[in-house]
mmCIF file of all heavy atoms, coordinates in Angstrom:
data_MODEL
# 
_entry.id   MODEL 
# 
loop_
_atom_site.group_PDB 
_atom_site.id 
_atom_site.type_symbol 
_atom_site.label_atom_id 
_atom_site.label_alt_id 
_atom_site.label_comp_id 
_atom_site.label_asym_id 
_atom_site.label_entity_id 
_atom_site.label_seq_id 
_atom_site.pdbx_PDB_ins_code 
_atom_site.Cartn_x 
_atom_site.Cartn_y 
_atom_site.Cartn_z 
_atom_site.occupancy 
_atom_site.B_iso_or_equiv 
_atom_site.pdbx_formal_charge 
_atom_site.auth_seq_id 
_atom_site.auth_comp_id 
_atom_site.auth_asym_id 
_atom_site.auth_atom_id 
_atom_site.pdbx_PDB_model_num 
ATOM 1   N N   . SER A 1 1  ? 6.475  2.436   -4.034  1.00 0.00 ? 1  SER A N   1 
ATOM 2   C CA  . SER A 1 1  ? 5.987  1.338   -4.873  1.00 0.00 ? 1  SER A CA  1 
ATOM 3   C C   . SER A 1 1  ? 4.578  0.891   -4.476  1.00 0.00 ? 1  SER A C   1 
ATOM 4   O O   . SER A 1 1  ? 4.137  -0.183  -4.866  1.00 0.00 ? 1  SER A O   1 
ATOM 5   C CB  . SER A 1 1  ? 6.940  0.139   -4.779  1.00 0.00 ? 1  SER A CB  1 
ATOM 6   O OG  . SER A 1 1  ? 8.203  0.446   -5.329  1.00 0.00 ? 1  SER A OG  1 
ATOM 7   N N   . ALA A 1 2  ? 3.879  1.711   -3.707  1.00 0.00 ? 2  ALA A N   1 
ATOM 8   C CA  . ALA A 1 2  ? 2.582  1.302   -3.168  1.00 0.00 ? 2  ALA A CA  1 
ATOM 9   C C   . ALA A 1 2  ? 1.404  1.657   -4.065  1.00 0.00 ? 2  ALA A C   1 
ATOM 10  O O   . ALA A 1 2  ? 0.272  1.286   -3.774  1.00 0.00 ? 2  ALA A O   1 
ATOM 11  C CB  . ALA A 1 2  ? 2.381  1.940   -1.787  1.00 0.00 ? 2  ALA A CB  1 
ATOM 12  N N   . SER A 1 3  ? 1.660  2.358   -5.149  1.00 0.00 ? 3  SER A N   1 
ATOM 13  C CA  . SER A 1 3  ? 0.549  2.797   -6.006  1.00 0.00 ? 3  SER A CA  1 
ATOM 14  C C   . SER A 1 3  ? -0.130 1.621   -6.705  1.00 0.00 ? 3  SER A C   1 
ATOM 15  O O   . SER A 1 3  ? 0.510  0.623   -7.053  1.00 0.00 ? 3  SER A O   1 
ATOM 16  C CB  . SER A 1 3  ? 1.053  3.786   -7.054  1.00 0.00 ? 3  SER A CB  1 
ATOM 17  O OG  . SER A 1 3  ? 0.015  4.127   -7.949  1.00 0.00 ? 3  SER A OG  1 
ATOM 18  N N   . GLU A 1 4  ? -1.433 1.759   -6.914  1.00 0.00 ? 4  GLU A N   1 
ATOM 19  C CA  . GLU A 1 4  ? -2.175 0.750   -7.677  1.00 0.00 ? 4  GLU A CA  1 
ATOM 20  C C   . GLU A 1 4  ? -1.905 0.868   -9.172  1.00 0.00 ? 4  GLU A C   1 
ATOM 21  O O   . GLU A 1 4  ? -2.150 -0.070  -9.936  1.00 0.00 ? 4  GLU A O   1 
ATOM 22  C CB  . GLU A 1 4  ? -3.676 0.901   -7.428  1.00 0.00 ? 4  GLU A CB  1 
ATOM 23  C CG  . GLU A 1 4  ? -4.115 0.522   -6.027  1.00 0.00 ? 4  GLU A CG  1 
ATOM 24  C CD  . GLU A 1 4  ? -5.614 0.634   -5.860  1.00 0.00 ? 4  GLU A CD  1 
ATOM 25  O OE1 . GLU A 1 4  ? -6.106 1.765   -5.695  1.00 0.00 ? 4  GLU A OE1 1 
ATOM 26  O OE2 . GLU A 1 4  ? -6.292 -0.407  -5.906  1.00 0.00 ? 4  GLU A OE2 1 
ATOM 27  N N   . LYS A 1 5  ? -1.407 2.021   -9.602  1.00 0.00 ? 5  LYS A N   1 
ATOM 28  C CA  . LYS A 1 5  ? -1.210 2.263   -11.023 1.00 0.00 ? 5  LYS A CA  1 
ATOM 29  C C   . LYS A 1 5  ? 0.266  2.134   -11.383 1.00 0.00 ? 5  LYS A C   1 
ATOM 30  O O   . LYS A 1 5  ? 1.135  2.718   -10.738 1.00 0.00 ? 5  LYS A O   1 
ATOM 31  C CB  . LYS A 1 5  ? -1.712 3.666   -11.393 1.00 0.00 ? 5  LYS A CB  1 
ATOM 32  C CG  . LYS A 1 5  ? -3.209 3.851   -11.159 1.00 0.00 ? 5  LYS A CG  1 
ATOM 33  C CD  . LYS A 1 5  ? -3.648 5.257   -11.534 1.00 0.00 ? 5  LYS A CD  1 
ATOM 34  C CE  . LYS A 1 5  ? -5.152 5.452   -11.303 1.00 0.00 ? 5  LYS A CE  1 
ATOM 35  N NZ  . LYS A 1 5  ? -5.586 6.827   -11.654 1.00 0.00 ? 5  LYS A NZ  1 
ATOM 36  N N   . GLU A 1 6  ? 0.547  1.364   -12.408 1.00 0.00 ? 6  GLU A N   1 
ATOM 37  C CA  . GLU A 1 6  ? 1.922  1.158   -12.840 1.00 0.00 ? 6  GLU A CA  1 
ATOM 38  C C   . GLU A 1 6  ? 2.525  2.460   -13.337 1.00 0.00 ? 6  GLU A C   1 
ATOM 39  O O   . GLU A 1 6  ? 1.877  3.240   -14.045 1.00 0.00 ? 6  GLU A O   1 
ATOM 40  C CB  . GLU A 1 6  ? 1.968  0.102   -13.948 1.00 0.00 ? 6  GLU A CB  1 
ATOM 41  C CG  . GLU A 1 6  ? 3.377  -0.311  -14.322 1.00 0.00 ? 6  GLU A CG  1 
ATOM 42  C CD  . GLU A 1 6  ? 3.414  -1.534  -15.199 1.00 0.00 ? 6  GLU A CD  1 
ATOM 43  O OE1 . GLU A 1 6  ? 2.324  -2.066  -15.526 1.00 0.00 ? 6  GLU A OE1 1 
ATOM 44  O OE2 . GLU A 1 6  ? 4.525  -1.967  -15.553 1.00 0.00 ? 6  GLU A OE2 1 
ATOM 45  N N   . GLY A 1 7  ? 3.775  2.721   -12.951 1.00 0.00 ? 7  GLY A N   1 
ATOM 46  C CA  . GLY A 1 7  ? 4.479  3.914   -13.384 1.00 0.00 ? 7  GLY A CA  1 
ATOM 47  C C   . GLY A 1 7  ? 4.149  5.154   -12.584 1.00 0.00 ? 7  GLY A C   1 
ATOM 48  O O   . GLY A 1 7  ? 4.675  6.231   -12.868 1.00 0.00 ? 7  GLY A O   1 
ATOM 49  N N   . VAL A 1 8  ? 3.297  5.026   -11.567 1.00 0.00 ? 8  VAL A N   1 
ATOM 50  C CA  . VAL A 1 8  ? 2.899  6.169   -10.742 1.00 0.00 ? 8  VAL A CA  1 
ATOM 51  C C   . VAL A 1 8  ? 3.563  6.058   -9.373  1.00 0.00 ? 8  VAL A C   1 
ATOM 52  O O   . VAL A 1 8  ? 3.569  4.991   -8.755  1.00 0.00 ? 8  VAL A O   1 
ATOM 53  C CB  . VAL A 1 8  ? 1.368  6.226   -10.577 1.00 0.00 ? 8  VAL A CB  1 
ATOM 54  C CG1 . VAL A 1 8  ? 0.968  7.359   -9.639  1.00 0.00 ? 8  VAL A CG1 1 
ATOM 55  C CG2 . VAL A 1 8  ? 0.702  6.396   -11.930 1.00 0.00 ? 8  VAL A CG2 1 
ATOM 56  N N   . HIS A 1 9  ? 4.144  7.150   -8.910  1.00 0.00 ? 9  HIS A N   1 
ATOM 57  C CA  . HIS A 1 9  ? 4.812  7.197   -7.612  1.00 0.00 ? 9  HIS A CA  1 
ATOM 58  C C   . HIS A 1 9  ? 3.786  7.012   -6.496  1.00 0.00 ? 9  HIS A C   1 
ATOM 59  O O   . HIS A 1 9  ? 2.762  7.673   -6.451  1.00 0.00 ? 9  HIS A O   1 
ATOM 60  C CB  . HIS A 1 9  ? 5.523  8.543   -7.452  1.00 0.00 ? 9  HIS A CB  1 
ATOM 61  C CG  . HIS A 1 9  ? 6.541  8.587   -6.348  1.00 0.00 ? 9  HIS A CG  1 
ATOM 62  N ND1 . HIS A 1 9  ? 6.206  8.561   -5.012  1.00 0.00 ? 9  HIS A ND1 1 
ATOM 63  C CD2 . HIS A 1 9  ? 7.903  8.674   -6.394  1.00 0.00 ? 9  HIS A CD2 1 
ATOM 64  C CE1 . HIS A 1 9  ? 7.306  8.637   -4.287  1.00 0.00 ? 9  HIS A CE1 1 
ATOM 65  N NE2 . HIS A 1 9  ? 8.354  8.693   -5.109  1.00 0.00 ? 9  HIS A NE2 1 
ATOM 66  N N   . GLY A 1 10 ? 4.066  6.088   -5.587  1.00 0.00 ? 10 GLY A N   1 
ATOM 67  C CA  . GLY A 1 10 ? 3.171  5.844   -4.468  1.00 0.00 ? 10 GLY A CA  1 
ATOM 68  C C   . GLY A 1 10 ? 3.167  6.985   -3.469  1.00 0.00 ? 10 GLY A C   1 
ATOM 69  O O   . GLY A 1 10 ? 4.085  7.809   -3.413  1.00 0.00 ? 10 GLY A O   1 
ATOM 70  N N   . THR A 1 11 ? 2.127  7.030   -2.656  1.00 0.00 ? 11 THR A N   1 
ATOM 71  C CA  . THR A 1 11 ? 1.951  8.068   -1.641  1.00 0.00 ? 11 THR A CA  1 
ATOM 72  C C   . THR A 1 11 ? 1.643  7.419   -0.292  1.00 0.00 ? 11 THR A C   1 
ATOM 73  O O   . THR A 1 11 ? 1.401  6.218   -0.189  1.00 0.00 ? 11 THR A O   1 
ATOM 74  C CB  . THR A 1 11 ? 0.798  9.008   -2.017  1.00 0.00 ? 11 THR A CB  1 
ATOM 75  O OG1 . THR A 1 11 ? -0.438 8.267   -1.953  1.00 0.00 ? 11 THR A OG1 1 
ATOM 76  C CG2 . THR A 1 11 ? 0.977  9.579   -3.417  1.00 0.00 ? 11 THR A CG2 1 
ATOM 77  N N   . PHE A 1 12 ? 1.609  8.269   0.741   1.00 0.00 ? 12 PHE A N   1 
ATOM 78  C CA  . PHE A 1 12 ? 1.224  7.765   2.050   1.00 0.00 ? 12 PHE A CA  1 
ATOM 79  C C   . PHE A 1 12 ? -0.219 7.266   2.051   1.00 0.00 ? 12 PHE A C   1 
ATOM 80  O O   . PHE A 1 12 ? -0.565 6.333   2.785   1.00 0.00 ? 12 PHE A O   1 
ATOM 81  C CB  . PHE A 1 12 ? 1.416  8.842   3.112   1.00 0.00 ? 12 PHE A CB  1 
ATOM 82  C CG  . PHE A 1 12 ? 2.866  9.203   3.364   1.00 0.00 ? 12 PHE A CG  1 
ATOM 83  C CD1 . PHE A 1 12 ? 3.267  10.524  3.479   1.00 0.00 ? 12 PHE A CD1 1 
ATOM 84  C CD2 . PHE A 1 12 ? 3.834  8.210   3.485   1.00 0.00 ? 12 PHE A CD2 1 
ATOM 85  C CE1 . PHE A 1 12 ? 4.590  10.851  3.723   1.00 0.00 ? 12 PHE A CE1 1 
ATOM 86  C CE2 . PHE A 1 12 ? 5.162  8.523   3.717   1.00 0.00 ? 12 PHE A CE2 1 
ATOM 87  C CZ  . PHE A 1 12 ? 5.536  9.861   3.834   1.00 0.00 ? 12 PHE A CZ  1 
ATOM 88  N N   . LYS A 1 13 ? -1.052 7.881   1.243   1.00 0.00 ? 13 LYS A N   1 
ATOM 89  C CA  . LYS A 1 13 ? -2.438 7.410   1.124   1.00 0.00 ? 13 LYS A CA  1 
ATOM 90  C C   . LYS A 1 13 ? -2.477 5.992   0.550   1.00 0.00 ? 13 LYS A C   1 
ATOM 91  O O   . LYS A 1 13 ? -3.275 5.155   0.972   1.00 0.00 ? 13 LYS A O   1 
ATOM 92  C CB  . LYS A 1 13 ? -3.245 8.359   0.239   1.00 0.00 ? 13 LYS A CB  1 
ATOM 93  C CG  . LYS A 1 13 ? -3.486 9.737   0.851   1.00 0.00 ? 13 LYS A CG  1 
ATOM 94  C CD  . LYS A 1 13 ? -4.359 9.646   2.100   1.00 0.00 ? 13 LYS A CD  1 
ATOM 95  C CE  . LYS A 1 13 ? -4.647 11.035  2.663   1.00 0.00 ? 13 LYS A CE  1 
ATOM 96  N NZ  . LYS A 1 13 ? -5.415 10.953  3.941   1.00 0.00 ? 13 LYS A NZ  1 
ATOM 97  N N   . ASP A 1 14 ? -1.597 5.713   -0.411  1.00 0.00 ? 14 ASP A N   1 
ATOM 98  C CA  . ASP A 1 14 ? -1.496 4.352   -0.937  1.00 0.00 ? 14 ASP A CA  1 
ATOM 99  C C   . ASP A 1 14 ? -1.040 3.385   0.152   1.00 0.00 ? 14 ASP A C   1 
ATOM 100 O O   . ASP A 1 14 ? -1.510 2.239   0.226   1.00 0.00 ? 14 ASP A O   1 
ATOM 101 C CB  . ASP A 1 14 ? -0.512 4.300   -2.105  1.00 0.00 ? 14 ASP A CB  1 
ATOM 102 C CG  . ASP A 1 14 ? -1.019 5.031   -3.337  1.00 0.00 ? 14 ASP A CG  1 
ATOM 103 O OD1 . ASP A 1 14 ? -2.191 4.839   -3.691  1.00 0.00 ? 14 ASP A OD1 1 
ATOM 104 O OD2 . ASP A 1 14 ? -0.235 5.787   -3.942  1.00 0.00 ? 14 ASP A OD2 1 
ATOM 105 N N   . CYS A 1 15 ? -0.136 3.842   0.995   1.00 0.00 ? 15 CYS A N   1 
ATOM 106 C CA  . CYS A 1 15 ? 0.344  2.990   2.091   1.00 0.00 ? 15 CYS A CA  1 
ATOM 107 C C   . CYS A 1 15 ? -0.793 2.640   3.048   1.00 0.00 ? 15 CYS A C   1 
ATOM 108 O O   . CYS A 1 15 ? -0.859 1.513   3.558   1.00 0.00 ? 15 CYS A O   1 
ATOM 109 C CB  . CYS A 1 15 ? 1.463  3.693   2.856   1.00 0.00 ? 15 CYS A CB  1 
ATOM 110 S SG  . CYS A 1 15 ? 2.979  3.955   1.896   1.00 0.00 ? 15 CYS A SG  1 
ATOM 111 N N   . GLU A 1 16 ? -1.678 3.589   3.301   1.00 0.00 ? 16 GLU A N   1 
ATOM 112 C CA  . GLU A 1 16 ? -2.827 3.313   4.172   1.00 0.00 ? 16 GLU A CA  1 
ATOM 113 C C   . GLU A 1 16 ? -3.644 2.150   3.634   1.00 0.00 ? 16 GLU A C   1 
ATOM 114 O O   . GLU A 1 16 ? -4.145 1.316   4.395   1.00 0.00 ? 16 GLU A O   1 
ATOM 115 C CB  . GLU A 1 16 ? -3.707 4.561   4.297   1.00 0.00 ? 16 GLU A CB  1 
ATOM 116 C CG  . GLU A 1 16 ? -3.112 5.673   5.141   1.00 0.00 ? 16 GLU A CG  1 
ATOM 117 C CD  . GLU A 1 16 ? -4.081 6.837   5.306   1.00 0.00 ? 16 GLU A CD  1 
ATOM 118 O OE1 . GLU A 1 16 ? -5.312 6.626   5.136   1.00 0.00 ? 16 GLU A OE1 1 
ATOM 119 O OE2 . GLU A 1 16 ? -3.628 7.959   5.605   1.00 0.00 ? 16 GLU A OE2 1 
ATOM 120 N N   . ARG A 1 17 ? -3.758 2.081   2.315   1.00 0.00 ? 17 ARG A N   1 
ATOM 121 C CA  . ARG A 1 17 ? -4.534 1.007   1.698   1.00 0.00 ? 17 ARG A CA  1 
ATOM 122 C C   . ARG A 1 17 ? -3.917 -0.362  1.975   1.00 0.00 ? 17 ARG A C   1 
ATOM 123 O O   . ARG A 1 17 ? -4.624 -1.381  2.037   1.00 0.00 ? 17 ARG A O   1 
ATOM 124 C CB  . ARG A 1 17 ? -4.596 1.249   0.180   1.00 0.00 ? 17 ARG A CB  1 
ATOM 125 C CG  . ARG A 1 17 ? -5.532 0.299   -0.575  1.00 0.00 ? 17 ARG A CG  1 
ATOM 126 C CD  . ARG A 1 17 ? -5.400 0.443   -2.085  1.00 0.00 ? 17 ARG A CD  1 
ATOM 127 N NE  . ARG A 1 17 ? -4.214 -0.238  -2.604  1.00 0.00 ? 17 ARG A NE  1 
ATOM 128 C CZ  . ARG A 1 17 ? -3.112 0.373   -2.987  1.00 0.00 ? 17 ARG A CZ  1 
ATOM 129 N NH1 . ARG A 1 17 ? -3.018 1.701   -2.932  1.00 0.00 ? 17 ARG A NH1 1 
ATOM 130 N NH2 . ARG A 1 17 ? -2.075 -0.324  -3.441  1.00 0.00 ? 17 ARG A NH2 1 
ATOM 131 N N   . LEU A 1 18 ? -2.599 -0.411  2.160   1.00 0.00 ? 18 LEU A N   1 
ATOM 132 C CA  . LEU A 1 18 ? -1.895 -1.680  2.352   1.00 0.00 ? 18 LEU A CA  1 
ATOM 133 C C   . LEU A 1 18 ? -1.876 -2.148  3.804   1.00 0.00 ? 18 LEU A C   1 
ATOM 134 O O   . LEU A 1 18 ? -1.537 -3.304  4.072   1.00 0.00 ? 18 LEU A O   1 
ATOM 135 C CB  . LEU A 1 18 ? -0.455 -1.555  1.851   1.00 0.00 ? 18 LEU A CB  1 
ATOM 136 C CG  . LEU A 1 18 ? -0.288 -1.212  0.368   1.00 0.00 ? 18 LEU A CG  1 
ATOM 137 C CD1 . LEU A 1 18 ? 1.195  -1.110  0.027   1.00 0.00 ? 18 LEU A CD1 1 
ATOM 138 C CD2 . LEU A 1 18 ? -0.969 -2.251  -0.515  1.00 0.00 ? 18 LEU A CD2 1 
ATOM 139 N N   . LEU A 1 19 ? -2.240 -1.287  4.729   1.00 0.00 ? 19 LEU A N   1 
ATOM 140 C CA  . LEU A 1 19 ? -2.148 -1.646  6.145   1.00 0.00 ? 19 LEU A CA  1 
ATOM 141 C C   . LEU A 1 19 ? -2.972 -2.883  6.504   1.00 0.00 ? 19 LEU A C   1 
ATOM 142 O O   . LEU A 1 19 ? -2.480 -3.769  7.223   1.00 0.00 ? 19 LEU A O   1 
ATOM 143 C CB  . LEU A 1 19 ? -2.537 -0.461  7.031   1.00 0.00 ? 19 LEU A CB  1 
ATOM 144 C CG  . LEU A 1 19 ? -1.604 0.756   6.967   1.00 0.00 ? 19 LEU A CG  1 
ATOM 145 C CD1 . LEU A 1 19 ? -2.143 1.871   7.856   1.00 0.00 ? 19 LEU A CD1 1 
ATOM 146 C CD2 . LEU A 1 19 ? -0.188 0.383   7.395   1.00 0.00 ? 19 LEU A CD2 1 
ATOM 147 N N   . PRO A 1 20 ? -4.233 -3.003  6.041   1.00 0.00 ? 20 PRO A N   1 
ATOM 148 C CA  . PRO A 1 20 ? -4.991 -4.213  6.385   1.00 0.00 ? 20 PRO A CA  1 
ATOM 149 C C   . PRO A 1 20 ? -4.323 -5.499  5.883   1.00 0.00 ? 20 PRO A C   1 
ATOM 150 O O   . PRO A 1 20 ? -4.358 -6.530  6.567   1.00 0.00 ? 20 PRO A O   1 
ATOM 151 C CB  . PRO A 1 20 ? -6.348 -3.987  5.709   1.00 0.00 ? 20 PRO A CB  1 
ATOM 152 C CG  . PRO A 1 20 ? -6.471 -2.505  5.593   1.00 0.00 ? 20 PRO A CG  1 
ATOM 153 C CD  . PRO A 1 20 ? -5.075 -2.022  5.329   1.00 0.00 ? 20 PRO A CD  1 
ATOM 154 N N   . ARG A 1 21 ? -3.720 -5.439  4.694   1.00 0.00 ? 21 ARG A N   1 
ATOM 155 C CA  . ARG A 1 21 ? -3.018 -6.619  4.168   1.00 0.00 ? 21 ARG A CA  1 
ATOM 156 C C   . ARG A 1 21 ? -1.883 -7.025  5.098   1.00 0.00 ? 21 ARG A C   1 
ATOM 157 O O   . ARG A 1 21 ? -1.712 -8.213  5.417   1.00 0.00 ? 21 ARG A O   1 
ATOM 158 C CB  . ARG A 1 21 ? -2.465 -6.308  2.776   1.00 0.00 ? 21 ARG A CB  1 
ATOM 159 C CG  . ARG A 1 21 ? -1.612 -7.429  2.180   1.00 0.00 ? 21 ARG A CG  1 
ATOM 160 C CD  . ARG A 1 21 ? -0.933 -6.972  0.887   1.00 0.00 ? 21 ARG A CD  1 
ATOM 161 N NE  . ARG A 1 21 ? -0.206 -8.063  0.243   1.00 0.00 ? 21 ARG A NE  1 
ATOM 162 C CZ  . ARG A 1 21 ? 1.057  -8.374  0.498   1.00 0.00 ? 21 ARG A CZ  1 
ATOM 163 N NH1 . ARG A 1 21 ? 1.741  -7.679  1.403   1.00 0.00 ? 21 ARG A NH1 1 
ATOM 164 N NH2 . ARG A 1 21 ? 1.638  -9.378  -0.138  1.00 0.00 ? 21 ARG A NH2 1 
ATOM 165 N N   . ILE A 1 22 ? -1.102 -6.055  5.541   1.00 0.00 ? 22 ILE A N   1 
ATOM 166 C CA  . ILE A 1 22 ? 0.036  -6.327  6.420   1.00 0.00 ? 22 ILE A CA  1 
ATOM 167 C C   . ILE A 1 22 ? -0.451 -6.836  7.770   1.00 0.00 ? 22 ILE A C   1 
ATOM 168 O O   . ILE A 1 22 ? 0.099  -7.791  8.338   1.00 0.00 ? 22 ILE A O   1 
ATOM 169 C CB  . ILE A 1 22 ? 0.892  -5.055  6.569   1.00 0.00 ? 22 ILE A CB  1 
ATOM 170 C CG1 . ILE A 1 22 ? 1.471  -4.649  5.201   1.00 0.00 ? 22 ILE A CG1 1 
ATOM 171 C CG2 . ILE A 1 22 ? 1.999  -5.253  7.586   1.00 0.00 ? 22 ILE A CG2 1 
ATOM 172 C CD1 . ILE A 1 22 ? 2.113  -3.282  5.179   1.00 0.00 ? 22 ILE A CD1 1 
ATOM 173 N N   . LYS A 1 23 ? -1.510 -6.224  8.286   1.00 0.00 ? 23 LYS A N   1 
ATOM 174 C CA  . LYS A 1 23 ? -2.089 -6.668  9.551   1.00 0.00 ? 23 LYS A CA  1 
ATOM 175 C C   . LYS A 1 23 ? -2.597 -8.098  9.440   1.00 0.00 ? 23 LYS A C   1 
ATOM 176 O O   . LYS A 1 23 ? -2.363 -8.928  10.338  1.00 0.00 ? 23 LYS A O   1 
ATOM 177 C CB  . LYS A 1 23 ? -3.230 -5.732  9.942   1.00 0.00 ? 23 LYS A CB  1 
ATOM 178 C CG  . LYS A 1 23 ? -4.024 -6.171  11.166  1.00 0.00 ? 23 LYS A CG  1 
ATOM 179 C CD  . LYS A 1 23 ? -3.200 -6.078  12.430  1.00 0.00 ? 23 LYS A CD  1 
ATOM 180 C CE  . LYS A 1 23 ? -4.043 -6.366  13.648  1.00 0.00 ? 23 LYS A CE  1 
ATOM 181 N NZ  . LYS A 1 23 ? -3.238 -6.333  14.901  1.00 0.00 ? 23 LYS A NZ  1 
ATOM 182 N N   . ASN A 1 24 ? -3.278 -8.411  8.358   1.00 0.00 ? 24 ASN A N   1 
ATOM 183 C CA  . ASN A 1 24 ? -3.843 -9.755  8.181   1.00 0.00 ? 24 ASN A CA  1 
ATOM 184 C C   . ASN A 1 24 ? -2.765 -10.825 8.043   1.00 0.00 ? 24 ASN A C   1 
ATOM 185 O O   . ASN A 1 24 ? -3.016 -12.002 8.322   1.00 0.00 ? 24 ASN A O   1 
ATOM 186 C CB  . ASN A 1 24 ? -4.773 -9.785  6.966   1.00 0.00 ? 24 ASN A CB  1 
ATOM 187 C CG  . ASN A 1 24 ? -6.049 -8.997  7.195   1.00 0.00 ? 24 ASN A CG  1 
ATOM 188 O OD1 . ASN A 1 24 ? -6.456 -8.771  8.343   1.00 0.00 ? 24 ASN A OD1 1 
ATOM 189 N ND2 . ASN A 1 24 ? -6.679 -8.551  6.116   1.00 0.00 ? 24 ASN A ND2 1 
ATOM 190 N N   . MET A 1 25 ? -1.583 -10.430 7.616   1.00 0.00 ? 25 MET A N   1 
ATOM 191 C CA  . MET A 1 25 ? -0.480 -11.390 7.541   1.00 0.00 ? 25 MET A CA  1 
ATOM 192 C C   . MET A 1 25 ? 0.206  -11.574 8.896   1.00 0.00 ? 25 MET A C   1 
ATOM 193 O O   . MET A 1 25 ? 1.127  -12.386 9.023   1.00 0.00 ? 25 MET A O   1 
ATOM 194 C CB  . MET A 1 25 ? 0.541  -10.950 6.495   1.00 0.00 ? 25 MET A CB  1 
ATOM 195 C CG  . MET A 1 25 ? 0.055  -11.112 5.056   1.00 0.00 ? 25 MET A CG  1 
ATOM 196 S SD  . MET A 1 25 ? 1.291  -10.536 3.854   1.00 0.00 ? 25 MET A SD  1 
ATOM 197 C CE  . MET A 1 25 ? 2.600  -11.742 4.083   1.00 0.00 ? 25 MET A CE  1 
ATOM 198 N N   . GLY A 1 26 ? -0.221 -10.827 9.904   1.00 0.00 ? 26 GLY A N   1 
ATOM 199 C CA  . GLY A 1 26 ? 0.282  -11.041 11.254  1.00 0.00 ? 26 GLY A CA  1 
ATOM 200 C C   . GLY A 1 26 ? 1.477  -10.205 11.656  1.00 0.00 ? 26 GLY A C   1 
ATOM 201 O O   . GLY A 1 26 ? 2.113  -10.478 12.676  1.00 0.00 ? 26 GLY A O   1 
ATOM 202 N N   . PHE A 1 27 ? 1.787  -9.164  10.887  1.00 0.00 ? 27 PHE A N   1 
ATOM 203 C CA  . PHE A 1 27 ? 2.907  -8.297  11.239  1.00 0.00 ? 27 PHE A CA  1 
ATOM 204 C C   . PHE A 1 27 ? 2.435  -7.191  12.183  1.00 0.00 ? 27 PHE A C   1 
ATOM 205 O O   . PHE A 1 27 ? 1.259  -6.808  12.172  1.00 0.00 ? 27 PHE A O   1 
ATOM 206 C CB  . PHE A 1 27 ? 3.539  -7.700  9.985   1.00 0.00 ? 27 PHE A CB  1 
ATOM 207 C CG  . PHE A 1 27 ? 4.179  -8.734  9.100   1.00 0.00 ? 27 PHE A CG  1 
ATOM 208 C CD1 . PHE A 1 27 ? 3.480  -9.324  8.052   1.00 0.00 ? 27 PHE A CD1 1 
ATOM 209 C CD2 . PHE A 1 27 ? 5.470  -9.158  9.350   1.00 0.00 ? 27 PHE A CD2 1 
ATOM 210 C CE1 . PHE A 1 27 ? 4.062  -10.298 7.256   1.00 0.00 ? 27 PHE A CE1 1 
ATOM 211 C CE2 . PHE A 1 27 ? 6.066  -10.139 8.567   1.00 0.00 ? 27 PHE A CE2 1 
ATOM 212 C CZ  . PHE A 1 27 ? 5.361  -10.710 7.520   1.00 0.00 ? 27 PHE A CZ  1 
# 
């Protein structure tokens, strides 16, 4: 569910994009 595009299967590359968000939330 990490893809920026609706209806598109997320990838590990998409997950990399989310890491700063998770880090900034303190996890």
